Amino acid sequence: MSNFKVVRRPPIYHRKKPMQKTTSLLLLTLATLSLSGCVSLPLPLEQLSRPVEAAELMGHVNFLAQPALKGRKAGSWESGAVREYLAGRFADYGLLPWPGVQTYEQDFAFGTNMVAILPGTDPDLADEIVILSAHYDHVGKGRKGVHPGACDNASGVAALLEIAEQMTLADKGPKRTVCFASFDAEERMAFGAFAFSLCEAFEGKKIAAVVNIDMLGRDFLDVIENSLFVVGTENYPKLRAEIMQKAQSGNLQILPLATELVGPVGDHLAFEHLDIPVLFFCCGYNKDYHATTDTPEKLDYETIKKSADLIAHTVGFLADSTVARLEQPGPDEAQLRTLSRIAEVTGNNAGLIGLDDPQAAILIDLAEEASRALTDKERLQRDQHYLGTKIVAAMAPVIEATSSIFEGTSAESAQHHAIYADHSKFLLDSYRDMVKSVFTKKPNIFQNLDFKYRACDITHRNISFVQNEQGLYELDILVPKIGLFCKTKGFIFKSGHFVLNARWTPLFFEGTKEQATDYCLLQWRKDAEDTEYAESYHNSWQRVLKTVTGEDLPPDYETWLKWRLEKQGRENQQQWLDYLAAGEHLMLAAEATLAKGPEHFCKLIEDPNAPTIQRHLAITSITKKMTKEMLLALAKIVDDKTPLHYTVNPRYWPITAETSYPFADHIHARQHRAFIKNFLYINKDTDTDTEDSEEPAIKVKTGDPATIGLVAEIALNNFTQQEFKKDKSAWKKWIEENADEKGNLSRRDIFLRASSIK
């Protein structure tokens, strides 16, 4: 019995012989298509006694990316044909299964990995393994049709197969054992690679290095030609020099990057987390990424050939030599040079990529700044990380503008990657636990497996606490809230759902150092109510308060509160909240009023004589835990005259906003900061417009009662959506009964109904 088979499919789905028979029939069908000119299969083994050839790569890609395979979605019937194809190639090359296993297949909850080895020839090194990986799955079929996945990642699998054949035909075998792994479910958060790293057969093995291939043969953003990103060489200067030298001889442009700037992308994550040296080869994003237009004819097979030759050379180097690791490398000129070139080329090709002039100017300026740093060693040492992260952040709209993410999946952006870099250990620990937990579940025809897991890290990054020209302190922090979610069901058919959810809450405060301390404690008090993630919140706010106060107290809210009360001479938390609620700092007053309880909140926002901005800030400080009294109070002040519209068609329910608002979910941090700075010290009797602010797009008058109605409406939207989802039929009936002849509804009535059923 194979140690790989950690989780079996339900019996009807997992009948091995019928599966093999049906995949054989599919392969026969695909071969017939090949003979008719639709698909070209690779040439037989005996014709390949030479280095990698473009024609062979094209044959593999054409097979894997053909429409009959329906996008190679993990766990699909068509993926069985891919596995049989891979198994046939592995067998033709004379490769063996993973040690102690009888088959190339490794089954797990959502798919099947394909793993083979070429045994090492050195008795002293053969028990060490170099893994070469390339995932074979793709995203399947969406509303617009089949996603062929030629670049992502039929190109990588083709390279892996040709490298495997090249190494088996070599006169001299590798000293270390080389593993060729084609993982499944990479598009589902690299589940297959994590499954492999957690199985019993993997335990105790000496992994010398992992080389991962994902996407070859396209130009980055369709503007940087004949290039290949190489990630992970920053700690291995000898290996980087070897790669650069080999690439130069093949006229291939190498773009080195550090793993921290790439983010949560690729199967190598499963091994990097285990402190195994990893390399990642990738051509980067292009406009056909995860689209129905990612087809074989768009690939440059000569570039794939050059890339495959380079990767084969790298694997051979790792298999035969010892690579020394630098634990603390110096300034990485090569990486900054890469980022500078990316910024320069994309900025100068703004029209082709779809950037506007301001975005292009930012990228060009950053490229010039990076170039200046490269000529100044002292500045390079000081600014390289800052410039690198600035360029990556500036590239976010570039990636989003050129990537057609298939239906149903949220597009990743550079922000995901930057935040991930700060939390990788926590996230990967949590994710490995999730995968391991799934392994313990064994679904069958009688059992409905419903597994859920969530993890969250709220560590604050880029904490800025500086004194401005007015003598006040500005506290500027970004609070990333990252969660993982997994759900599987097993009742004859399997389904899986994975989400890497990242939300950013920008927090900005301006005041004295004492006021900033109180603000942090108020925020901490609110976050500490979320007991599920309490530990993360405690560590986060301890970091922030240490920056603000210089005190080094334990990460415990009660300890910090006791310290604060003793310093102010107050007896308890209630006295502290009363003091802040009655104070002159409107933000602190609003937060403290909300903290005192629902009755104080309702009294404040229903008082027309209260400072508008204080009411404003109190509403926007609400957490998800709203009481019925708070909901009713908000519903009463909703202004039906604001330009928001409801329709009787539930497809567009519940809201379409024609005006943006600074506290919307995905608002930019700068807009939030500008909004707060303009409102913090405005006299309650003035009617000041924010048009003169640094962010002219924000135009909200502090004295306008309609503003409060709009704020209340936005605060109620999420709650109403949730109530609607709980009972759509009842809501639809109510909508039809209460809509006017034009299909419009009273928003106040909608919110009152939502709050009354809580």
Foldseek 3Di string as FASTA:
>chain_A
DFLLPLFAAAPVLRPPVVLVVVLVVVVVVLVVCCVVPQAAAADALVVPLDADDLRRLLRLLRSLLPCVLQQQAWQDSSVSNVLVVVQVLCVSLVWADQPPGHAQWRDADTHIKGKTKDAADAPVARLEEEEEEAASGGHGAFPVGGARCSQFPSLSVSLLSSLSNNQSSDPHHFRYMYMYMHFHPLVQLLLRLLSVCPTPSNPPGHYQEYEYEGGWFAAAQNFHPQEKEKEQCQFFVVLVVVLVVLLVVLVHHYQYAYQLQVASHDSCLSVVLVVHRYMYIHNYDYLCAQHNPSGSVNGDSSSSSSVSVSVSVSSRCSRHDDTDTHPDGAQDLRNLLNLLVVLCRCLVPVVSQVHDNVLSVQSPVLSVVSVVCSVPRVSSRVCVVVSSLSSQVSCFVSRVSRYDNGPPADDDGSVNSNVCSVVVNVVSVQVSVQSVVSSVDHDYQVDWFWDWGKDWAFAKPPWDWDADPVRKIKTKIKTKIWMWIWTWTRNPDIDIDIDTDIFIDIDIDIGHLLVVLLVLLLVLVVVCVPVVHNVNSLVRSQVNNCVSPVDNDHSDSVVSVVVSCVVVVHDDDLVVLVVQLPDQFLLSVLSSQVVVDDVSLLVQLLDLPHQLVSNLNNLLPDDPPDALSNLLSLLVLADQPAPWWQFLPCVPPDTDHPADACSPRRHDNVSVNQVCVVPRNDDSPDFDFSCPTPDNSHTDTRNDSNSSNVSSLNSQRVLLVVLCVVPVVVVSVVQVVAADPVRTHRSSVSSNVSSVVD
